[in-house]
Amino acid sequence: MMFSMFALWIIVFIGIFLRQRWVTPVVIVTLVWTLVLLRMHMTDPIPLNF
């Protein structure tokens, strides 16, 4: 799953470099997908109460 995030960001950077018009919606989708993946994977079972 994390590879999909990496692949989407590579596509975004290639689109920015080539100055394509489809970059804006792909960036929005990639940001949302990145936030979803981070939300799923950044769960910490250890409470950090000092």
Protein backbone atom coordinates (compact mmCIF):
# COMPACT_ATOMS: atom_id res chain seq x y z
CA MET A 1 0.00 0.00 0.00
CA MET A 2 2.78 2.40 0.79
CA PHE A 3 4.20 1.71 -2.68
CA SER A 4 0.99 3.09 -4.19
CA MET A 5 1.58 6.37 -2.36
CA PHE A 6 5.17 6.45 -3.63
CA ALA A 7 4.05 5.72 -7.20
CA LEU A 8 1.38 8.44 -7.10
CA TRP A 9 3.93 11.02 -5.92
CA ILE A 10 6.32 9.99 -8.71
CA ILE A 11 3.49 10.53 -11.24
CA VAL A 12 2.78 13.95 -9.68
CA PHE A 13 6.42 15.05 -9.94
CA ILE A 14 6.66 13.84 -13.54
CA GLY A 15 3.47 15.77 -14.35
CA ILE A 16 4.84 18.92 -12.71
CA PHE A 17 8.11 18.56 -14.61
CA LEU A 18 6.24 18.13 -17.93
CA ARG A 19 3.79 20.96 -17.08
CA GLN A 20 0.67 18.86 -17.62
CA ARG A 21 -2.86 20.09 -16.91
CA TRP A 22 -3.97 16.91 -15.12
CA VAL A 23 -1.54 17.47 -12.24
CA THR A 24 -3.96 19.39 -9.97
CA PRO A 25 -6.60 16.64 -9.55
CA VAL A 26 -3.88 14.00 -9.23
CA VAL A 27 -2.22 16.06 -6.47
CA ILE A 28 -5.52 16.28 -4.57
CA VAL A 29 -6.11 12.53 -4.88
CA THR A 30 -2.51 11.81 -3.85
CA LEU A 31 -2.74 14.07 -0.79
CA VAL A 32 -5.97 12.41 0.32
CA TRP A 33 -4.50 8.93 -0.24
CA THR A 34 -1.35 9.89 1.70
CA LEU A 35 -3.45 11.13 4.64
CA VAL A 36 -5.53 7.94 4.59
CA LEU A 37 -2.44 5.74 4.60
CA LEU A 38 -0.77 7.76 7.36
CA ARG A 39 -3.95 7.62 9.45
CA MET A 40 -4.08 3.83 9.03
CA HIS A 41 -0.39 3.18 9.70
CA MET A 42 0.39 5.74 12.39
CA THR A 43 -1.43 4.00 15.21
CA ASP A 44 0.65 3.68 18.33
CA PRO A 45 -0.42 1.04 20.86
CA ILE A 46 2.04 2.45 23.41
CA PRO A 47 0.62 5.51 25.24
CA LEU A 48 3.16 8.30 25.41
CA ASN A 49 2.11 9.84 28.71
CA PHE A 50 5.09 11.31 30.50
